[in-house]
Amino acid sequence: MKFSKYIYFLTSFISVFWLCWMYSKNELPADTADGLMHFYISQASWHNPSLFLDHWGKPLFILLSSPFAQFGFNGMFFFNLLVFTSICITAFKIFVKLNVNLLLASIFPIAMILIEDFSITIFGGLTEPLFNLFLLISFYFLLEKKWVYFALAVSLLPYLRSEGQLVFILALFYLVYFKEFKTLAFLVIFPIVYGLAGILVYSDFWWYFTKSAYSYSNNIYGTGEWSHYFTCYKSYLGNVGLYFFIVSICVIIFLILKRNWKKLQFLQLFYAYGIFLGIVLFHSYLWANGKYGSLGLTRIATQGMPVFFIMAIYYSELVFQKMNLRLKHSIFLLISFLCLFSRFNSKKTFPLKAQLFEKQILNAGKYLKENLNNFKKIHYHHPLIPYKMGLNPLINKNKLQIYYGQNIEHDFNNRIKKGDLLIWDSKFGPVEAGMPLEKISNLKQLTLIQAFTYFKDTNKNNGVFIYQFTTTTKENLKE
């Protein structure tokens, strides 16, 4: 037992060290869009307290990460590193509670970081790790049947990720099933607290619903296949996770046939597998139908994955415990090899290198930083622009403004003044900002002063174009 315990904490330490090492070698943040925006919101919340209730930024994530964000993006990574360490510790307590052999459980920390989307959420300062931590905490209290703490943990989940609403509904059924009617009051404590806070900020107790950052009619990213999340399982589950899942399904079927309800742990099974698979199916529906602003991001499916993985290991351990010690060690080494093989055989590699587009964004940001005093306000789309400039658009509003204008002609002399810059990039410009390059390049009020381009497709410019608003047209400067 002691030896296995030491192995578990050794693999946890190795995983933390690997994350720190790779982060130090990354050329840019792992998520140059959502991750940076979460950082900007958390950092700016100390300047504008109303941001603590920013729906898109996730209120509880903002509250807990904001002290770390004051130290820059490195602080955000350190925050998520602490979250990951807490995930490993909580998982250890769950494994002990489930009587799982800690030698097999030692696979968990390494398997987590070798799942690319999971590592990216940590590197990128995203909200998924913190959601998973609170989900694991709620699962631990479910195992302990400490219903008050279970209810309190679940009541916070919707303020970490919108998918927490699914867990909230599921927890409601659990409390009713166990006739914990008095405990239901604890399930709504934090929704009431945040509702009252919403009255102060928005004059709206129901702001969580009325101020939702998403719209079910928002389909600007298009649609995809229903099978998308299932065919991309390697990104958020990995081959090792799939192996454990297959073994667990076989064991679950065997236990049901044998009517061994004690080892089946149906309530825990339904909680862990139901949440993870429910999130995958829900986002499959959204992506297939172009709902809720879905982009088909596979990292979304890491929500609930750790608790799902823990239960998969639990069921696999029922087979593992029948083996002799030598065979157990052999299986442990085999799974460790499969984990490493999955990393080296991956389509992505760490550390993260800037691709052609990111390099042009970084070049544009460097140019803007060096010439900042020569321009007035800068209207931009891509979050990596202010990151390279060392500015926060939610704090430095006198210089930076996120621009998602659908009617740029109307905004001239209104939002966009003479001498202002408009930074168009080929990622956000034509989609989220709704401004094709052909449209703005033909506007007489705009003069191209610099371009950082590369050619991805024949006769199609990709990169960053810097325009200045003028009242008279000028000869465009060449790159």
Protein backbone atom coordinates (compact mmCIF):
# COMPACT_ATOMS: atom_id res chain seq x y z
CA MET A 1 0.00 0.00 0.00
CA LYS A 2 2.76 2.45 0.96
CA PHE A 3 4.78 1.62 -2.13
CA SER A 4 1.77 2.18 -4.41
CA LYS A 5 0.99 5.43 -2.59
CA TYR A 6 4.49 6.72 -3.26
CA ILE A 7 4.20 5.71 -6.93
CA TYR A 8 0.95 7.70 -7.21
CA PHE A 9 2.50 10.87 -5.80
CA LEU A 10 5.63 10.33 -7.89
CA THR A 11 3.59 10.22 -11.10
CA SER A 12 1.68 13.30 -9.91
CA PHE A 13 4.96 15.15 -9.31
CA ILE A 14 6.29 14.08 -12.73
CA SER A 15 3.09 15.34 -14.34
CA VAL A 16 3.33 18.74 -12.63
CA PHE A 17 7.01 19.02 -13.57
CA TRP A 18 6.21 18.14 -17.20
CA LEU A 19 3.52 20.83 -17.35
CA CYS A 20 5.93 23.45 -15.99
CA TRP A 21 8.68 22.40 -18.40
CA MET A 22 6.44 22.44 -21.48
CA TYR A 23 4.89 25.76 -20.49
CA SER A 24 8.34 27.34 -20.25
CA LYS A 25 9.04 26.16 -23.81
CA ASN A 26 5.71 27.20 -25.38
CA GLU A 27 6.06 30.06 -27.87
CA LEU A 28 2.57 31.38 -27.20
CA PRO A 29 -0.46 30.63 -25.01
CA ALA A 30 -2.14 27.31 -25.77
CA ASP A 31 -5.45 29.02 -26.50
CA THR A 32 -4.97 32.39 -28.18
CA ALA A 33 -8.68 33.16 -28.25
CA ASP A 34 -10.88 32.09 -25.30
CA GLY A 35 -7.92 31.53 -22.98
CA LEU A 36 -6.64 35.08 -23.42
CA MET A 37 -10.12 36.55 -23.03
CA HIS A 38 -10.56 34.71 -19.72
CA PHE A 39 -7.22 36.15 -18.62
CA TYR A 40 -8.22 39.70 -19.63
CA ILE A 41 -11.53 39.45 -17.77
CA SER A 42 -9.98 37.99 -14.60
CA GLN A 43 -7.22 40.60 -14.56
CA ALA A 44 -9.57 43.51 -15.27
CA SER A 45 -12.09 42.45 -12.60
CA TRP A 46 -9.98 44.26 -9.98
CA HIS A 47 -10.41 47.45 -12.02
CA ASN A 48 -14.08 46.89 -12.83
CA PRO A 49 -15.86 44.81 -10.15
CA SER A 50 -18.92 44.31 -12.38
CA LEU A 51 -16.77 41.85 -14.36
CA PHE A 52 -17.00 39.44 -11.43
CA LEU A 53 -20.47 38.69 -12.80
CA ASP A 54 -19.39 38.40 -16.42
CA HIS A 55 -21.42 35.45 -17.70
CA TRP A 56 -19.05 34.46 -20.48
CA GLY A 57 -15.99 34.73 -18.21
CA LYS A 58 -17.66 32.42 -15.62
CA PRO A 59 -18.16 34.26 -12.29
CA LEU A 60 -16.59 31.76 -9.88
CA PHE A 61 -13.60 31.20 -12.17
CA ILE A 62 -13.07 34.97 -12.31
CA LEU A 63 -13.30 35.28 -8.53
CA LEU A 64 -10.76 32.53 -7.80
CA SER A 65 -8.33 33.22 -10.65
CA SER A 66 -8.30 37.04 -10.48
CA PRO A 67 -5.56 37.32 -7.78
CA PHE A 68 -3.26 35.19 -9.96
CA ALA A 69 -4.16 37.13 -13.12
CA GLN A 70 -2.67 40.28 -11.59
CA PHE A 71 0.75 38.70 -12.20
CA GLY A 72 0.11 38.32 -15.92
CA PHE A 73 -0.67 35.25 -17.96
CA ASN A 74 2.00 33.29 -16.08
CA GLY A 75 -0.18 33.75 -13.03
CA MET A 76 -3.12 32.16 -14.85
CA PHE A 77 -1.01 29.14 -15.71
CA PHE A 78 0.16 28.85 -12.10
CA PHE A 79 -3.48 28.99 -10.97
CA ASN A 80 -4.42 26.12 -13.27
CA LEU A 81 -1.31 24.23 -12.16
CA LEU A 82 -2.59 24.45 -8.58
CA VAL A 83 -5.99 23.28 -9.83
CA PHE A 84 -4.40 20.28 -11.55
CA THR A 85 -2.46 19.41 -8.37
CA SER A 86 -5.74 19.60 -6.44
CA ILE A 87 -7.36 17.32 -9.02
CA CYS A 88 -4.63 14.71 -8.43
CA ILE A 89 -5.05 14.93 -4.64
CA THR A 90 -8.86 14.71 -4.81
CA ALA A 91 -8.62 11.79 -7.23
CA PHE A 92 -6.28 10.04 -4.77
CA LYS A 93 -8.86 10.38 -1.99
CA ILE A 94 -11.54 8.99 -4.31
CA PHE A 95 -9.36 6.04 -5.32
CA VAL A 96 -8.76 5.24 -1.65
CA LYS A 97 -12.48 5.48 -0.93
CA LEU A 98 -13.21 3.10 -3.83
CA ASN A 99 -10.45 0.72 -2.64
CA VAL A 100 -8.69 0.96 -6.01
CA ASN A 101 -5.16 -0.41 -6.16
CA LEU A 102 -3.00 2.73 -6.10
CA LEU A 103 -0.49 1.19 -8.48
CA LEU A 104 -3.13 1.15 -11.20
CA ALA A 105 -4.45 4.53 -10.01
CA SER A 106 -0.95 5.97 -10.55
CA ILE A 107 -1.76 5.96 -14.26
CA PHE A 108 -4.33 8.74 -13.67
CA PRO A 109 -2.06 11.86 -13.36
CA ILE A 110 0.07 10.95 -16.37
CA ALA A 111 -2.93 9.94 -18.46
CA MET A 112 -4.54 13.31 -17.75
CA ILE A 113 -1.65 15.45 -18.98
CA LEU A 114 -1.06 13.23 -22.01
CA ILE A 115 -4.62 13.91 -23.17
CA GLU A 116 -3.91 16.91 -25.36
CA ASP A 117 -7.09 18.89 -24.84
CA PHE A 118 -6.76 18.52 -21.08
CA SER A 119 -3.17 19.83 -21.15
CA ILE A 120 -4.21 22.68 -23.42
CA THR A 121 -6.89 23.80 -20.96
CA ILE A 122 -4.19 24.02 -18.26
CA PHE A 123 -1.64 25.79 -20.48
CA GLY A 124 -4.32 28.11 -21.85
CA GLY A 125 -5.72 29.35 -18.54
CA LEU A 126 -9.16 27.96 -19.41
CA THR A 127 -12.12 27.17 -17.18
CA GLU A 128 -12.45 23.41 -17.73
CA PRO A 129 -9.86 22.31 -15.10
CA LEU A 130 -11.56 24.22 -12.28
CA PHE A 131 -14.94 22.81 -13.34
CA ASN A 132 -13.45 19.30 -13.21
CA LEU A 133 -11.99 19.94 -9.75
CA PHE A 134 -15.33 20.98 -8.28
CA LEU A 135 -17.01 18.06 -10.04
CA LEU A 136 -14.51 15.67 -8.43
CA ILE A 137 -15.12 17.29 -5.05
CA SER A 138 -18.87 16.79 -5.47
CA PHE A 139 -18.24 13.16 -6.48
CA TYR A 140 -16.16 12.58 -3.36
CA PHE A 141 -18.95 13.93 -1.16
CA LEU A 142 -21.41 11.75 -3.05
CA LEU A 143 -19.29 8.70 -2.16
CA GLU A 144 -19.18 9.85 1.47
CA LYS A 145 -22.89 10.65 1.35
CA LYS A 146 -22.16 14.05 2.88
CA TRP A 147 -25.17 15.60 1.23
CA VAL A 148 -24.79 19.19 2.46
CA TYR A 149 -21.25 19.47 1.09
CA PHE A 150 -22.34 17.65 -2.06
CA ALA A 151 -25.13 20.17 -2.62
CA LEU A 152 -22.85 23.15 -1.97
CA ALA A 153 -20.21 21.89 -4.41
CA VAL A 154 -22.80 21.26 -7.13
CA SER A 155 -24.47 24.64 -6.61
CA LEU A 156 -21.19 26.34 -7.65
CA LEU A 157 -20.71 24.37 -10.88
CA PRO A 158 -23.02 26.51 -13.09
CA TYR A 159 -20.80 29.51 -12.25
CA LEU A 160 -17.75 27.67 -13.56
CA ARG A 161 -19.21 26.31 -16.79
CA SER A 162 -22.69 26.42 -18.28
CA GLU A 163 -22.62 22.61 -18.39
CA GLY A 164 -22.89 22.78 -14.61
CA GLN A 165 -26.64 23.16 -15.12
CA LEU A 166 -26.73 19.49 -16.19
CA VAL A 167 -24.99 18.45 -12.95
CA PHE A 168 -27.33 20.68 -10.96
CA ILE A 169 -30.40 18.91 -12.35
CA LEU A 170 -28.82 15.49 -11.78
CA ALA A 171 -27.94 16.38 -8.18
CA LEU A 172 -31.52 17.47 -7.62
CA PHE A 173 -32.73 13.98 -8.53
CA TYR A 174 -30.11 12.39 -6.25
CA LEU A 175 -31.19 14.46 -3.25
CA VAL A 176 -34.86 13.65 -3.88
CA TYR A 177 -34.04 9.95 -4.35
CA PHE A 178 -32.29 9.84 -0.97
CA LYS A 179 -35.09 11.95 0.56
CA GLU A 180 -32.68 14.71 1.51
CA PHE A 181 -35.39 17.33 1.20
CA LYS A 182 -33.87 19.68 3.77
CA THR A 183 -30.56 19.56 1.89
CA LEU A 184 -32.26 20.98 -1.21
CA ALA A 185 -31.96 24.39 0.42
CA PHE A 186 -28.17 24.15 0.23
CA LEU A 187 -28.41 23.41 -3.48
CA VAL A 188 -29.79 26.89 -4.13
CA ILE A 189 -27.65 28.88 -1.68
CA PHE A 190 -25.11 30.11 -4.23
CA PRO A 191 -27.68 30.72 -6.98
CA ILE A 192 -29.46 32.98 -4.48
CA VAL A 193 -26.20 34.72 -3.53
CA TYR A 194 -25.30 35.32 -7.17
CA GLY A 195 -28.88 36.36 -7.90
CA LEU A 196 -28.72 39.03 -5.20
CA ALA A 197 -25.37 40.17 -6.57
CA GLY A 198 -27.05 40.42 -9.97
CA ILE A 199 -29.55 42.86 -8.54
CA LEU A 200 -26.67 45.18 -7.61
CA VAL A 201 -24.91 44.90 -10.98
CA TYR A 202 -27.70 44.32 -13.50
CA SER A 203 -30.83 45.14 -11.46
CA ASP A 204 -31.87 41.63 -12.36
CA PHE A 205 -32.07 38.65 -9.96
CA TRP A 206 -32.36 36.24 -12.92
CA TRP A 207 -29.34 37.65 -14.74
CA TYR A 208 -27.79 34.17 -15.10
CA PHE A 209 -30.50 33.37 -17.63
CA THR A 210 -31.32 36.79 -19.08
CA LYS A 211 -27.68 37.82 -19.53
CA SER A 212 -26.55 34.53 -21.03
CA ALA A 213 -23.51 34.95 -23.24
CA TYR A 214 -24.89 32.43 -25.71
CA SER A 215 -27.79 32.31 -28.11
CA TYR A 216 -29.38 29.16 -29.46
CA SER A 217 -29.90 30.93 -32.79
CA ASN A 218 -26.20 31.82 -33.02
CA ASN A 219 -24.76 29.62 -35.79
CA ILE A 220 -22.01 31.84 -37.21
CA TYR A 221 -19.55 28.95 -37.11
CA GLY A 222 -21.67 26.64 -39.24
CA THR A 223 -22.45 23.02 -38.45
CA GLY A 224 -20.70 19.67 -38.36
CA GLU A 225 -21.35 15.95 -38.19
CA TRP A 226 -23.10 14.21 -35.31
CA SER A 227 -20.14 11.85 -35.13
CA HIS A 228 -17.61 14.66 -34.67
CA TYR A 229 -16.95 14.18 -30.95
CA PHE A 230 -16.87 10.41 -31.26
CA THR A 231 -14.37 10.34 -34.12
CA CYS A 232 -12.18 12.89 -32.31
CA TYR A 233 -12.07 10.94 -29.04
CA LYS A 234 -8.24 10.92 -29.04
CA SER A 235 -8.19 14.67 -28.38
CA TYR A 236 -10.20 14.61 -25.14
CA LEU A 237 -10.01 10.96 -23.99
CA GLY A 238 -6.97 9.44 -25.63
CA ASN A 239 -6.34 5.85 -26.61
CA VAL A 240 -5.58 4.87 -23.01
CA GLY A 241 -8.89 6.34 -21.88
CA LEU A 242 -10.64 4.35 -24.62
CA TYR A 243 -8.93 1.13 -23.45
CA PHE A 244 -10.10 1.69 -19.88
CA PHE A 245 -13.60 2.56 -21.11
CA ILE A 246 -13.89 -0.65 -23.15
CA VAL A 247 -12.70 -2.76 -20.21
CA SER A 248 -15.09 -0.95 -17.86
CA ILE A 249 -18.08 -1.61 -20.14
CA CYS A 250 -17.26 -5.33 -20.19
CA VAL A 251 -16.98 -5.35 -16.39
CA ILE A 252 -20.22 -3.40 -15.96
CA ILE A 253 -22.11 -5.87 -18.15
CA PHE A 254 -20.60 -8.78 -16.19
CA LEU A 255 -21.61 -7.25 -12.84
CA ILE A 256 -25.15 -6.61 -14.06
CA LEU A 257 -25.48 -10.20 -15.26
CA LYS A 258 -24.15 -11.44 -11.91
CA ARG A 259 -26.39 -8.95 -10.09
CA ASN A 260 -23.44 -7.77 -8.05
CA TRP A 261 -24.95 -4.39 -7.24
CA LYS A 262 -22.46 -3.60 -4.49
CA LYS A 263 -19.45 -3.63 -6.80
CA LEU A 264 -21.44 -2.06 -9.63
CA GLN A 265 -21.90 1.15 -7.60
CA PHE A 266 -24.73 2.22 -9.86
CA LEU A 267 -25.28 5.67 -8.34
CA GLN A 268 -21.61 6.58 -8.77
CA LEU A 269 -21.60 5.02 -12.25
CA PHE A 270 -24.61 7.04 -13.35
CA TYR A 271 -23.15 10.27 -11.94
CA ALA A 272 -19.71 9.90 -13.54
CA TYR A 273 -20.65 8.33 -16.87
CA GLY A 274 -23.92 10.23 -17.15
CA ILE A 275 -22.29 13.66 -16.81
CA PHE A 276 -19.40 12.96 -19.18
CA LEU A 277 -21.44 11.21 -21.88
CA GLY A 278 -24.28 13.71 -21.41
CA ILE A 279 -21.92 16.62 -22.13
CA VAL A 280 -20.50 14.85 -25.20
CA LEU A 281 -23.99 14.08 -26.58
CA PHE A 282 -25.29 17.58 -25.83
CA HIS A 283 -22.42 19.26 -27.66
CA SER A 284 -22.74 16.76 -30.50
CA TYR A 285 -26.32 17.98 -30.90
CA LEU A 286 -25.29 21.64 -30.74
CA TRP A 287 -22.53 21.22 -33.33
CA ALA A 288 -24.68 19.14 -35.66
CA ASN A 289 -27.45 21.76 -35.56
CA GLY A 290 -25.39 24.96 -35.35
CA LYS A 291 -26.85 25.94 -31.98
CA TYR A 292 -25.55 27.92 -29.01
CA GLY A 293 -22.62 29.36 -30.94
CA SER A 294 -21.06 25.90 -31.07
CA LEU A 295 -17.66 25.65 -32.72
CA GLY A 296 -17.20 21.91 -32.28
CA LEU A 297 -14.28 22.42 -29.89
CA THR A 298 -13.16 19.03 -28.60
CA ARG A 299 -11.75 20.49 -25.37
CA ILE A 300 -15.38 20.99 -24.30
CA ALA A 301 -15.54 17.20 -23.88
CA THR A 302 -12.82 17.24 -21.19
CA GLN A 303 -15.55 18.39 -18.81
CA GLY A 304 -16.43 15.38 -16.70
CA MET A 305 -13.63 13.33 -18.26
CA PRO A 306 -11.48 12.97 -15.07
CA VAL A 307 -14.34 11.62 -12.94
CA PHE A 308 -15.34 9.36 -15.83
CA PHE A 309 -11.73 8.15 -16.07
CA ILE A 310 -11.63 7.41 -12.33
CA MET A 311 -14.69 5.17 -12.51
CA ALA A 312 -13.29 3.46 -15.62
CA ILE A 313 -10.13 2.70 -13.63
CA TYR A 314 -12.28 1.44 -10.74
CA TYR A 315 -14.04 -1.10 -12.95
CA SER A 316 -10.79 -2.11 -14.63
CA GLU A 317 -9.24 -2.63 -11.19
CA LEU A 318 -11.82 -5.35 -10.48
CA VAL A 319 -10.00 -7.32 -13.15
CA PHE A 320 -6.59 -6.08 -12.05
CA GLN A 321 -7.05 -7.35 -8.46
CA LYS A 322 -7.38 -10.93 -9.70
CA MET A 323 -3.82 -10.88 -11.04
CA ASN A 324 -0.63 -11.85 -9.23
CA LEU A 325 1.91 -9.17 -8.29
CA ARG A 326 4.22 -9.79 -11.26
CA LEU A 327 1.36 -9.53 -13.72
CA LYS A 328 0.13 -6.34 -12.03
CA HIS A 329 3.53 -4.74 -12.49
CA SER A 330 3.60 -5.86 -16.12
CA ILE A 331 0.17 -4.36 -16.77
CA PHE A 332 1.24 -1.12 -15.08
CA LEU A 333 4.32 -0.88 -17.31
CA LEU A 334 2.27 -1.72 -20.42
CA ILE A 335 -0.29 1.01 -19.72
CA SER A 336 2.52 3.49 -18.98
CA PHE A 337 4.07 2.61 -22.34
CA LEU A 338 0.71 3.11 -24.08
CA CYS A 339 0.41 6.54 -22.43
CA LEU A 340 3.81 7.59 -23.73
CA PHE A 341 3.14 6.07 -27.16
CA SER A 342 -0.09 8.07 -27.39
CA ARG A 343 1.88 11.27 -26.78
CA PHE A 344 4.61 10.61 -29.32
CA ASN A 345 2.11 9.37 -31.88
CA SER A 346 -0.03 12.48 -31.41
CA LYS A 347 -0.89 14.85 -34.26
CA LYS A 348 0.04 17.81 -32.01
CA THR A 349 3.24 18.22 -30.07
CA PHE A 350 4.35 20.14 -27.04
CA PRO A 351 5.89 22.61 -26.62
CA LEU A 352 3.56 24.67 -28.76
CA LYS A 353 5.12 26.44 -31.71
CA ALA A 354 3.64 29.52 -33.39
CA GLN A 355 2.18 28.64 -36.78
CA LEU A 356 2.19 30.92 -39.83
CA PHE A 357 -0.91 32.83 -38.79
CA GLU A 358 0.17 33.26 -35.15
CA LYS A 359 3.57 34.52 -36.32
CA GLN A 360 1.88 37.26 -38.34
CA ILE A 361 -0.33 38.18 -35.37
CA LEU A 362 2.75 38.41 -33.15
CA ASN A 363 4.55 40.53 -35.76
CA ALA A 364 1.57 42.86 -35.97
CA GLY A 365 1.41 43.15 -32.18
CA LYS A 366 5.11 43.96 -32.04
CA TYR A 367 4.70 46.63 -34.73
CA LEU A 368 1.76 48.20 -32.87
CA LYS A 369 3.65 48.20 -29.57
CA GLU A 370 6.66 49.92 -31.14
CA ASN A 371 4.46 52.56 -32.82
CA LEU A 372 1.80 52.90 -30.12
CA ASN A 373 2.29 56.65 -29.66
CA ASN A 374 1.83 57.30 -33.39
CA PHE A 375 -1.78 56.14 -33.43
CA LYS A 376 -5.00 56.91 -31.65
CA LYS A 377 -7.41 54.14 -30.67
CA ILE A 378 -6.85 50.62 -31.98
CA HIS A 379 -9.89 48.55 -32.97
CA TYR A 380 -9.03 44.86 -33.28
CA HIS A 381 -10.46 41.34 -33.31
CA HIS A 382 -7.80 38.83 -32.27
CA PRO A 383 -6.98 38.60 -28.49
CA LEU A 384 -3.33 37.86 -29.27
CA ILE A 385 -2.86 41.45 -30.51
CA PRO A 386 -3.09 43.14 -27.07
CA TYR A 387 -1.27 40.18 -25.48
CA LYS A 388 1.79 40.89 -27.62
CA MET A 389 1.43 44.59 -26.90
CA GLY A 390 1.43 43.89 -23.15
CA LEU A 391 -1.94 45.60 -22.69
CA ASN A 392 -5.34 44.53 -21.41
CA PRO A 393 -8.21 45.81 -23.60
CA LEU A 394 -10.58 45.83 -20.64
CA ILE A 395 -8.21 48.07 -18.68
CA ASN A 396 -6.52 50.13 -21.42
CA LYS A 397 -9.79 51.20 -23.02
CA ASN A 398 -8.33 54.51 -24.11
CA LYS A 399 -6.05 52.66 -26.54
CA LEU A 400 -7.75 49.34 -27.31
CA GLN A 401 -11.26 48.36 -28.34
CA ILE A 402 -12.53 44.94 -29.37
CA TYR A 403 -14.47 45.56 -32.56
CA TYR A 404 -17.25 43.24 -33.74
CA GLY A 405 -19.05 45.73 -35.95
CA GLN A 406 -21.65 44.59 -38.43
CA ASN A 407 -22.10 48.06 -39.90
CA ILE A 408 -18.70 49.66 -40.23
CA GLU A 409 -19.92 52.56 -42.37
CA HIS A 410 -22.26 53.59 -39.57
CA ASP A 411 -19.43 53.41 -37.05
CA PHE A 412 -17.24 55.92 -38.89
CA ASN A 413 -17.19 59.18 -36.87
CA ASN A 414 -19.23 57.37 -34.23
CA ARG A 415 -17.13 54.59 -32.69
CA ILE A 416 -14.21 54.85 -35.11
CA LYS A 417 -12.63 58.29 -35.19
CA LYS A 418 -10.20 59.90 -37.58
CA GLY A 419 -6.69 58.55 -36.96
CA ASP A 420 -7.92 55.33 -35.35
CA LEU A 421 -6.61 51.96 -36.52
CA LEU A 422 -8.66 48.96 -37.57
CA ILE A 423 -6.77 45.67 -37.30
CA TRP A 424 -8.32 43.01 -39.52
CA ASP A 425 -7.19 39.39 -39.21
CA SER A 426 -8.19 36.44 -41.37
CA LYS A 427 -9.41 34.33 -38.43
CA PHE A 428 -11.86 36.57 -36.58
CA GLY A 429 -12.42 39.29 -39.18
CA PRO A 430 -14.64 37.48 -41.70
CA VAL A 431 -16.55 35.36 -39.17
CA GLU A 432 -17.05 36.88 -35.72
CA ALA A 433 -16.61 40.48 -36.84
CA GLY A 434 -18.67 39.86 -39.98
CA MET A 435 -16.26 41.84 -42.17
CA PRO A 436 -14.82 40.11 -45.26
CA LEU A 437 -11.50 41.57 -46.38
CA GLU A 438 -13.02 42.50 -49.75
CA LYS A 439 -15.55 44.69 -48.01
CA ILE A 440 -13.23 46.83 -45.90
CA SER A 441 -10.44 46.99 -48.51
CA ASN A 442 -12.86 48.84 -50.81
CA LEU A 443 -13.88 51.44 -48.23
CA LYS A 444 -12.49 54.84 -49.20
CA GLN A 445 -12.29 55.95 -45.58
CA LEU A 446 -9.67 53.30 -44.78
CA THR A 447 -6.03 53.39 -45.80
CA LEU A 448 -3.85 50.30 -45.58
CA ILE A 449 -0.69 51.25 -43.68
CA GLN A 450 0.80 47.82 -42.99
CA ALA A 451 0.18 44.15 -43.74
CA PHE A 452 1.58 40.94 -42.32
CA THR A 453 0.48 38.23 -44.70
CA TYR A 454 1.12 34.69 -45.87
CA PHE A 455 -0.51 32.65 -48.58
CA LYS A 456 -2.42 29.58 -47.49
CA ASP A 457 -4.69 29.24 -50.51
CA THR A 458 -4.18 30.29 -54.10
CA ASN A 459 -4.83 34.03 -54.63
CA LYS A 460 -6.09 34.46 -51.06
CA ASN A 461 -4.43 36.72 -48.50
CA ASN A 462 -4.20 35.41 -44.96
CA GLY A 463 -2.80 37.26 -42.00
CA VAL A 464 -3.18 40.73 -40.49
CA PHE A 465 -4.04 44.00 -42.26
CA ILE A 466 -3.68 47.33 -40.45
CA TYR A 467 -5.95 50.11 -41.72
CA GLN A 468 -6.18 53.71 -40.58
CA PHE A 469 -9.37 55.74 -40.74
CA THR A 470 -8.86 58.85 -42.85
CA THR A 471 -11.22 61.32 -44.47
CA THR A 472 -9.37 61.20 -47.76
CA THR A 473 -7.95 58.22 -49.59
CA LYS A 474 -4.22 57.69 -49.81
CA GLU A 475 -2.05 55.38 -51.83
CA ASN A 476 -1.87 52.12 -49.94
CA LEU A 477 1.55 51.24 -48.60
CA LYS A 478 2.99 47.95 -49.74
CA GLU A 479 4.04 45.32 -47.25
